[in-house]
Protein backbone atom coordinates (compact mmCIF):
# COMPACT_ATOMS: atom_id res chain seq x y z
CA MET A 1 -52.39 51.46 53.33
CA ILE A 2 -54.24 50.36 50.21
CA ALA A 3 -52.57 50.76 46.82
CA ILE A 4 -54.93 51.62 43.97
CA ALA A 5 -53.23 50.17 40.91
CA GLY A 6 -53.70 49.21 37.27
CA ALA A 7 -51.02 48.91 34.61
CA LYS A 8 -53.14 50.49 31.85
CA GLY A 9 -52.92 54.27 31.72
CA GLY A 10 -56.33 55.93 31.70
CA CYS A 11 -58.18 53.11 33.49
CA GLY A 12 -59.16 55.51 36.27
CA LYS A 13 -56.80 54.80 39.18
CA THR A 14 -56.76 58.44 40.27
CA THR A 15 -60.55 58.68 40.02
CA VAL A 16 -60.98 55.54 42.12
CA ALA A 17 -58.37 56.60 44.70
CA LEU A 18 -60.06 59.98 45.17
CA GLY A 19 -63.59 58.58 45.03
CA LEU A 20 -62.85 55.94 47.68
CA THR A 21 -61.05 58.44 49.92
CA GLU A 22 -64.11 60.66 49.96
CA ALA A 23 -66.41 57.64 50.36
CA PHE A 24 -64.52 56.55 53.49
CA ALA A 25 -64.78 60.10 54.83
CA ARG A 26 -68.53 60.27 54.14
CA ASP A 27 -68.90 57.09 56.18
CA GLY A 28 -67.04 58.60 59.13
CA THR A 29 -63.52 57.21 58.56
CA ALA A 30 -60.76 59.79 58.16
CA ALA A 31 -58.94 59.06 54.90
CA ILE A 32 -56.08 60.46 52.83
CA ALA A 33 -55.15 59.86 49.18
CA ILE A 34 -51.45 60.09 48.27
CA ASP A 35 -50.27 60.68 44.71
CA ALA A 36 -47.34 58.32 44.03
CA ASP A 37 -47.00 59.16 40.33
CA ARG A 38 -43.68 60.97 39.90
CA GLN A 39 -44.08 61.49 36.16
CA LEU A 40 -47.75 62.42 35.66
CA PRO A 41 -49.14 63.62 38.99
CA ASN A 42 -52.75 64.72 38.66
CA LEU A 43 -54.50 63.77 41.91
CA HIS A 44 -54.44 67.39 43.08
CA VAL A 45 -55.90 68.50 39.73
CA MET A 46 -58.81 66.09 39.96
CA ALA A 47 -59.34 66.90 43.63
CA GLY A 48 -59.29 70.66 43.03
CA THR A 49 -56.54 71.32 45.59
CA ASP A 50 -53.24 73.20 45.44
CA ARG A 51 -50.03 71.59 44.13
CA THR A 52 -48.22 72.31 47.40
CA PRO A 53 -47.43 71.14 49.98
CA THR A 54 -46.35 67.79 48.54
CA LEU A 55 -45.23 64.46 49.94
CA GLY A 56 -41.72 65.93 49.77
CA SER A 57 -42.62 68.15 52.73
CA LEU A 58 -43.17 65.15 54.99
CA ASP A 59 -40.60 63.97 57.51
CA GLU A 60 -40.63 61.57 60.42
CA ASP A 61 -41.46 64.34 62.90
CA ASN A 62 -44.62 65.47 61.05
CA ALA A 63 -47.98 63.77 60.91
CA ILE A 64 -49.28 63.08 57.41
CA ASN A 65 -52.13 65.50 58.12
CA SER A 66 -49.60 68.32 58.16
CA VAL A 67 -49.02 68.02 54.40
CA ALA A 68 -52.54 66.93 53.41
CA GLN A 69 -55.02 69.40 51.99
CA GLU A 70 -58.69 68.93 52.82
CA SER A 71 -61.00 67.95 50.00
CA PRO A 72 -63.25 70.88 49.00
CA ARG A 73 -66.18 68.46 48.91
CA VAL A 74 -65.86 66.24 51.98
CA SER A 75 -64.37 67.07 55.36
CA ASN A 76 -62.08 64.47 56.90
CA ALA A 77 -60.77 63.57 53.42
CA GLY A 78 -57.20 64.69 52.67
CA ILE A 79 -55.14 64.97 49.49
CA VAL A 80 -51.33 64.72 49.32
CA SER A 81 -49.83 65.62 45.96
CA ALA A 82 -46.75 63.96 44.47
CA PRO A 83 -43.31 65.55 44.96
CA LYS A 84 -42.16 68.10 42.42
CA PRO A 85 -39.23 67.19 40.11
CA SER A 86 -36.99 69.46 42.21
CA GLU A 87 -37.76 67.48 45.38
CA THR A 88 -35.73 64.37 46.18
CA VAL A 89 -37.94 61.91 48.03
CA ASP A 90 -37.34 58.34 49.12
CA PHE A 91 -40.88 57.06 48.63
CA ARG A 92 -40.33 53.91 50.68
CA THR A 93 -39.17 55.89 53.71
CA ALA A 94 -42.07 58.30 53.29
CA PHE A 95 -44.52 55.40 53.05
CA ASP A 96 -43.08 53.93 56.25
CA TRP A 97 -43.67 57.22 58.05
CA VAL A 98 -47.21 57.39 56.68
CA GLU A 99 -47.98 53.81 57.71
CA THR A 100 -46.78 54.40 61.27
CA ASN A 101 -48.82 57.59 61.55
CA ALA A 102 -51.92 56.01 59.99
CA THR A 103 -51.81 53.09 62.41
CA GLU A 104 -51.53 55.40 65.40
CA THR A 105 -54.41 57.65 64.27
CA ASP A 106 -56.74 55.04 62.74
CA LEU A 107 -56.42 56.74 59.35
CA GLU A 108 -57.25 55.05 56.04
CA VAL A 109 -54.56 55.76 53.43
CA LEU A 110 -54.94 55.12 49.70
CA ILE A 111 -51.93 55.28 47.35
CA ASP A 112 -52.66 56.43 43.80
CA CYS A 113 -50.11 54.34 41.88
CA PRO A 114 -48.56 55.24 38.52
CA SER A 115 -49.34 53.24 35.41
CA GLY A 116 -47.11 50.52 33.98
CA ALA A 117 -45.11 47.82 35.71
CA GLY A 118 -41.87 49.59 36.53
CA PRO A 119 -39.97 50.26 39.77
CA ASP A 120 -42.27 53.10 40.90
CA VAL A 121 -45.26 50.74 40.82
CA VAL A 122 -43.32 47.98 42.57
CA GLU A 123 -42.25 50.46 45.24
CA ALA A 124 -45.84 51.48 46.01
CA LEU A 125 -47.18 47.92 45.95
CA SER A 126 -44.35 46.76 48.22
CA ALA A 127 -45.13 49.45 50.79
CA ALA A 128 -48.89 48.88 50.78
CA SER A 129 -50.74 46.56 53.13
CA ALA A 130 -53.00 45.50 50.26
CA VAL A 131 -53.94 46.43 46.71
CA VAL A 132 -57.14 47.17 44.81
CA ILE A 133 -56.82 46.68 41.06
CA VAL A 134 -58.65 49.01 38.68
CA THR A 135 -59.74 48.19 35.16
CA THR A 136 -62.33 49.21 32.60
CA ASP A 137 -64.27 46.67 30.54
CA ALA A 138 -61.86 47.09 27.59
CA GLU A 139 -59.72 44.06 26.70
CA ARG A 140 -56.42 45.99 26.87
CA SER A 141 -57.28 47.29 30.32
CA ILE A 142 -58.20 43.83 31.61
CA ALA A 143 -54.96 42.39 30.20
CA ALA A 144 -53.05 45.16 32.01
CA ALA A 145 -54.95 44.31 35.20
CA GLU A 146 -53.60 40.77 34.88
CA THR A 147 -50.08 42.23 34.79
CA THR A 148 -50.76 44.24 37.95
CA LEU A 149 -52.20 41.16 39.65
CA ASP A 150 -49.07 39.19 38.73
CA ILE A 151 -46.78 41.85 40.20
CA ALA A 152 -48.79 42.02 43.44
CA GLN A 153 -48.71 38.24 43.81
CA ARG A 154 -44.95 38.11 43.28
CA LEU A 155 -44.51 40.82 45.91
CA GLU A 156 -46.92 38.87 48.14
CA THR A 157 -49.06 41.95 48.66
CA PRO A 158 -52.65 40.84 49.39
CA VAL A 159 -55.10 41.66 46.58
CA LEU A 160 -58.46 42.75 47.96
CA GLY A 161 -60.26 42.66 44.63
CA VAL A 162 -60.94 44.52 41.41
CA VAL A 163 -62.96 47.67 40.68
CA CYS A 164 -64.46 47.97 37.23
CA ASN A 165 -64.39 51.67 36.39
CA ARG A 166 -66.64 53.37 33.84
CA CYS A 167 -68.83 50.25 33.80
CA GLU A 168 -72.54 49.88 34.53
CA SER A 169 -71.73 46.30 35.47
CA PRO A 170 -68.53 44.23 35.30
CA PRO A 171 -67.95 41.88 32.34
CA ALA A 172 -69.45 38.45 33.05
CA ASP A 173 -66.10 36.64 32.86
CA LEU A 174 -63.99 39.20 34.74
CA GLU A 175 -63.99 37.48 38.13
CA GLY A 176 -63.18 34.08 36.67
CA ARG A 177 -60.47 35.47 34.41
CA LEU A 178 -58.63 37.34 37.17
CA GLY A 179 -59.40 34.86 39.92
CA ILE A 180 -60.13 37.63 42.45
CA ASP A 181 -63.31 39.16 43.87
CA ILE A 182 -65.13 42.02 42.17
CA LEU A 183 -65.53 44.79 44.72
CA GLY A 184 -67.94 46.80 42.60
CA ALA A 185 -68.46 48.87 39.49
CA VAL A 186 -68.37 52.64 38.98
CA PRO A 187 -70.56 53.85 36.11
CA ASP A 188 -69.37 56.33 33.50
CA ASP A 189 -70.53 59.86 34.32
CA PRO A 190 -69.66 63.40 33.19
CA ASP A 191 -68.81 64.03 36.84
CA PRO A 192 -66.79 60.94 37.84
CA ILE A 193 -66.43 61.98 41.50
CA THR A 194 -69.64 63.69 42.60
CA GLY A 195 -72.15 62.22 40.15
CA ASP A 196 -74.92 60.20 41.81
CA GLY A 197 -73.91 56.95 40.08
CA PRO A 198 -70.17 57.16 40.84
CA GLN A 199 -70.76 58.21 44.45
CA ALA A 200 -73.10 55.27 45.01
CA GLY A 201 -70.52 52.96 43.46
CA PHE A 202 -67.68 54.31 45.59
CA ASP A 203 -69.77 54.12 48.77
CA GLU A 204 -70.59 50.46 48.04
CA ILE A 205 -66.94 49.60 47.39
CA ALA A 206 -65.75 51.42 50.53
CA THR A 207 -68.27 49.44 52.59
CA ALA A 208 -67.00 46.20 51.05
CA LEU A 209 -63.39 47.15 51.85
CA CYS A 210 -64.25 47.92 55.48
CA GLY A 211 -65.43 44.33 55.86
CA LEU A 212 -62.13 42.84 54.67
CA GLU A 213 -59.15 41.99 56.84
CA TYR A 214 -55.58 42.20 55.64
CA GLY A 215 -52.20 42.25 57.35
CA THR A 216 -49.29 44.61 56.91
CA SER A 217 -46.70 41.86 56.57
CA PRO A 218 -47.92 38.94 54.47
CA PRO A 219 -46.11 35.69 55.27
CA ARG A 220 -43.27 34.49 53.10
CA THR A 221 -43.98 31.45 50.99
CA GLY A 222 -42.14 29.50 48.33
CA HIS A 223 -44.68 30.56 45.66
CA ASP A 224 -42.94 31.37 42.37
CA ARG A 225 -39.53 31.56 44.05
CA LEU A 226 -36.39 31.22 41.96
CA ALA A 227 -33.43 29.55 43.66
CA THR A 228 -30.35 31.78 43.62
CA GLY A 229 -27.87 28.89 43.65
CA ILE A 230 -26.65 29.91 47.12
CA GLY A 231 -28.23 27.27 49.35
CA VAL A 232 -27.94 29.08 52.69
CA LEU A 233 -29.41 32.25 51.18
CA ASP A 234 -32.31 30.39 49.54
CA ARG A 235 -33.20 28.81 52.87
CA THR A 236 -33.18 32.22 54.53
CA LEU A 237 -35.42 33.63 51.79
CA GLY A 238 -37.97 30.83 52.05
CA GLY A 239 -37.01 29.22 48.74
CA GLY A 240 -35.29 31.97 46.79
CA ILE A 241 -36.11 35.22 45.01
CA PRO A 242 -39.62 35.87 43.65
CA ALA A 243 -39.71 35.57 39.87
CA GLY A 244 -39.48 38.98 38.24
CA SER A 245 -37.02 40.41 40.78
CA VAL A 246 -33.94 42.61 40.39
CA VAL A 247 -31.08 42.14 42.88
CA ALA A 248 -28.07 44.35 43.59
CA LEU A 249 -25.09 42.38 44.93
CA THR A 250 -22.55 44.69 46.58
CA ALA A 251 -19.06 43.76 47.74
CA ASP A 252 -15.50 45.01 48.04
CA VAL A 253 -13.59 44.85 44.77
CA ALA A 254 -11.23 42.11 46.04
CA SER A 255 -13.93 39.97 47.69
CA GLN A 256 -14.13 37.33 44.90
CA THR A 257 -17.91 37.81 44.75
CA GLU A 258 -17.80 36.63 41.14
CA HIS A 259 -17.97 33.07 42.49
CA LEU A 260 -21.46 33.82 43.77
CA LEU A 261 -22.43 34.99 40.30
CA TYR A 262 -21.07 31.77 38.81
CA ALA A 263 -23.14 29.74 41.29
CA MET A 264 -26.25 31.60 40.19
CA THR A 265 -25.82 30.29 36.64
CA ALA A 266 -26.37 26.72 37.91
CA THR A 267 -30.06 27.25 38.59
CA ARG A 268 -31.38 27.92 35.06
CA GLY A 269 -30.36 29.33 31.67
CA SER A 270 -28.41 32.56 32.17
CA LEU A 271 -27.22 35.52 30.13
CA TYR A 272 -23.94 36.77 31.59
CA LEU A 273 -23.08 40.30 30.43
CA SER A 274 -19.49 41.30 31.18
CA THR A 275 -18.56 44.97 31.04
CA GLU A 276 -14.82 44.44 31.65
CA ARG A 277 -13.60 40.92 30.88
CA SER A 278 -13.81 39.17 27.55
CA ALA A 279 -16.29 36.32 27.13
CA SER A 280 -13.44 33.80 26.93
CA ASN A 281 -11.94 35.08 30.19
CA VAL A 282 -15.28 34.75 31.99
CA GLU A 283 -15.79 31.27 30.57
CA ARG A 284 -12.34 30.15 31.79
CA ALA A 285 -13.00 31.65 35.23
CA ILE A 286 -16.28 29.74 35.51
CA ASP A 287 -14.63 26.48 34.42
CA ARG A 288 -11.89 26.91 37.04
CA SER A 289 -14.24 27.89 39.82
CA THR A 290 -14.78 25.44 42.68
CA VAL A 291 -18.53 26.19 42.83
CA GLN A 292 -21.17 24.31 40.88
CA ALA A 293 -21.95 26.49 37.87
CA GLY A 294 -23.95 26.24 34.68
CA LYS A 295 -23.09 27.03 31.07
CA PRO A 296 -24.33 30.59 30.64
CA THR A 297 -24.44 32.56 27.43
CA ILE A 298 -21.59 35.06 27.93
CA ARG A 299 -21.34 38.37 26.09
CA ARG A 300 -18.86 41.22 26.45
CA LEU A 301 -20.55 44.62 26.18
CA ASP A 302 -18.44 46.26 23.52
CA GLY A 303 -18.63 49.38 21.41
CA GLU A 304 -19.23 53.02 22.18
CA ASP A 305 -22.69 52.37 23.63
CA PRO A 306 -22.56 49.32 25.93
CA LEU A 307 -25.91 50.21 27.48
CA GLU A 308 -27.69 50.01 24.13
CA HIS A 309 -25.85 46.76 23.41
CA ALA A 310 -27.16 45.38 26.71
CA LEU A 311 -30.73 46.44 25.94
CA GLU A 312 -30.65 44.65 22.58
CA MET A 313 -29.79 41.35 24.25
CA ILE A 314 -32.10 41.81 27.21
CA GLU A 315 -35.00 42.26 24.80
CA LYS A 316 -34.32 38.75 23.47
CA LEU A 317 -34.27 37.03 26.86
CA PRO A 318 -36.48 33.93 26.99
CA ASP A 319 -38.88 33.19 29.83
CA GLY A 320 -37.42 32.18 33.17
CA ALA A 321 -33.81 33.16 32.47
CA ASN A 322 -31.22 34.78 34.72
CA LEU A 323 -29.59 38.05 33.71
CA ILE A 324 -26.22 38.84 35.31
CA VAL A 325 -24.42 42.14 34.70
CA ASP A 326 -20.82 42.05 35.95
CA PRO A 327 -19.99 44.70 37.00
CA ILE A 328 -22.64 47.41 36.61
CA ASP A 329 -20.16 50.32 37.01
CA ARG A 330 -19.61 50.97 33.33
CA LEU A 331 -23.33 51.25 32.60
CA GLU A 332 -23.80 53.59 35.56
CA THR A 333 -21.63 56.23 33.87
CA VAL A 334 -24.34 57.36 31.42
CA ASP A 335 -26.62 60.30 32.19
CA ARG A 336 -29.19 59.71 34.92
CA GLU A 337 -32.38 59.81 32.82
CA ARG A 338 -31.01 57.35 30.29
CA TYR A 339 -29.80 55.06 33.03
CA LEU A 340 -33.20 55.16 34.76
CA ASP A 341 -34.84 54.19 31.47
CA PHE A 342 -32.45 51.24 31.30
CA LEU A 343 -33.32 50.15 34.85
CA ASN A 344 -37.04 50.45 34.14
CA THR A 345 -36.66 48.35 30.99
CA VAL A 346 -34.79 45.62 32.88
CA SER A 347 -37.39 45.60 35.65
CA ASP A 348 -40.28 45.40 33.17
CA ARG A 349 -38.52 42.62 31.25
CA MET A 350 -38.04 40.54 34.39
CA VAL A 351 -41.76 40.77 35.14
CA GLU A 352 -42.60 39.82 31.55
CA THR A 353 -40.29 36.81 31.51
CA ASP A 354 -40.52 35.61 35.13
CA GLY A 355 -36.76 35.96 35.30
CA MET A 356 -34.21 37.31 37.77
CA THR A 357 -31.55 39.99 37.32
CA VAL A 358 -28.40 40.35 39.42
CA PHE A 359 -26.35 43.54 39.14
CA HIS A 360 -22.81 43.07 40.48
CA CYS A 361 -22.04 46.33 42.30
CA PRO A 362 -18.43 46.51 43.53
CA VAL A 363 -17.92 49.03 46.33
CA ALA A 364 -15.22 51.54 45.38
CA ALA A 365 -13.76 54.55 47.16
CA SER A 366 -15.92 56.79 44.98
CA GLU A 367 -19.11 55.35 43.53
CA SER A 368 -20.89 56.62 40.44
CA ALA A 369 -23.74 59.06 40.87
CA ASN A 370 -26.13 56.42 39.52
CA ARG A 371 -25.29 53.76 42.14
CA ARG A 372 -28.10 55.07 44.34
CA SER A 373 -30.55 54.55 41.46
CA THR A 374 -29.31 50.98 41.01
CA LYS A 375 -30.01 50.17 44.66
CA HIS A 376 -33.29 52.07 44.60
CA VAL A 377 -34.71 50.08 41.69
CA ALA A 378 -33.46 46.75 43.06
CA ASP A 379 -36.03 44.62 44.88
CA ALA A 380 -33.28 43.32 47.14
CA VAL A 381 -29.77 44.46 48.05
CA PHE A 382 -27.34 41.81 49.27
CA ASP A 383 -24.08 43.03 50.80
CA VAL A 384 -21.12 40.65 50.90
CA HIS A 385 -18.49 41.23 53.59
CA THR A 386 -15.14 39.43 53.63
CA THR A 387 -13.02 38.88 56.73
CA THR A 388 -9.63 37.21 57.27
CA PRO A 389 -9.48 35.94 60.88
CA GLY A 390 -5.72 35.22 60.76
CA PRO A 391 -2.78 34.12 58.60
CA ASP A 392 -3.54 30.44 59.04
CA VAL A 393 -7.29 30.76 58.59
CA GLY A 394 -9.12 31.00 55.28
CA VAL A 395 -11.25 33.92 54.17
CA ASN A 396 -14.74 34.10 55.67
CA GLN A 397 -17.60 35.60 53.65
CA TYR A 398 -20.86 36.89 55.08
CA LEU A 399 -23.92 38.08 53.19
CA SER A 400 -26.31 40.55 54.79
CA VAL A 401 -29.72 41.57 53.45
CA SER A 402 -29.92 45.35 53.68
CA LYS A 403 -33.06 45.71 51.55
CA CYS A 404 -35.79 43.24 50.68
CA ARG A 405 -39.01 44.54 49.18
CA PHE A 406 -40.70 41.16 49.00
CA ASP A 407 -40.12 40.62 52.73
CA SER A 408 -39.60 43.92 54.55
CA SER A 409 -39.32 42.08 57.88
CA LEU A 410 -36.19 40.20 56.77
CA VAL A 411 -33.00 41.54 58.34
CA ASP A 412 -30.47 38.76 58.41
CA THR A 413 -26.82 37.91 57.89
CA VAL A 414 -25.72 34.48 56.70
CA GLU A 415 -22.29 32.95 56.46
CA LEU A 416 -21.29 31.76 53.00
CA ASP A 417 -19.65 28.50 53.93
CA GLY A 418 -18.52 27.45 50.47
CA GLU A 419 -21.52 25.21 49.79
CA LEU A 420 -22.91 27.67 47.31
CA ALA A 421 -24.89 25.48 44.97
CA THR A 422 -25.87 22.40 46.93
CA GLU A 423 -29.59 22.91 46.59
CA THR A 424 -29.96 23.91 42.94
CA THR A 425 -31.09 22.23 39.77
CA HIS A 426 -28.08 22.22 37.45
CA GLU A 427 -28.76 23.80 34.06
CA ASP A 428 -26.16 23.09 31.37
CA ARG A 429 -27.92 24.87 28.55
CA PRO A 430 -27.19 28.51 27.75
CA VAL A 431 -30.04 30.86 27.01
CA ILE A 432 -31.02 31.27 23.36
CA LEU A 433 -31.03 34.93 22.35
CA GLU A 434 -31.91 34.57 18.67
């Protein structure tokens, strides 16, 4: 599956996704374009197909062809529209089904990504085998393409190259600036899909893509990894968490998982947002802890609107800092749309600052309705399990990786043996928010 992405709205991702799908089909390769834009779906509008069925109609027992509508212009080219607001769809699961089906049927799949740099984009790029970045020759569009490139590299999704849309020829410095190949240019045309110029451009780009090789599971590397402060976990992850990531750390309420959070402050400057304990109580707990910890900036989220208070401080985060929210429960009590906006802001901010966020998510008898959204947005979910073998034996803690977007092949459980911060660089300075 190839993601067609570009952070700048209006750069022509949908046009390129549809144009390449039909170009593959003209060349004899069955192809399907999937609209992954939950908020502004318009692939079906541009393609001239019906709104339904949507991706929400897909399940593991149906082939992707069963929900795809044939292009009115080119046979063997299918269109799958985005789910309606009333449909609840786990995109990652749906993408997994599509990938399995596409591999079995030798089908080329192109994902029309949403704009921006939020969780929906990360989700599509994580699921894709590779990405094609779209830009125009405008400076703002090229700058946004750099953001998309950065996200793809952090997710370790191979970047096949860049398409310059609405351009007779790419800017002279585009290839050098982005450091990736130019796949081709698509000229501006009143008919951006069937015009002679655009069709020739799409055909040329599709031919170039057919000559490229890319894997479905890029290897893990230590590139731009941030150590978590938990040595055994960092070794398992190949060096740590990719910069720009959001992590959900789940555990039973009485599991003493806070010690893991304290260890995470040893790696770099950290902002520790407490939703329950006072700043002085957290500071004393860190000082008394047996793990190696840093000197984080600690703030209690007070007032009638703790979520807004959190956003004000997150906006001031410097580059490369940790953000720890302990616990996340109180923020999850707001209405869903507002909470999703908060999660999107945190995710965008981590990408902007090359930082790392950890949401402490205690497991209670009844979880908030927004807990699913917390886990959904997170790039990784780490589940801590505590066992007590016997009265004369200490507590054993195990950490399992139940979700890992930056390495979907990773399914592992590690024992937390107490040496939580043996492989970190100690950072005594708090983050500066003003």
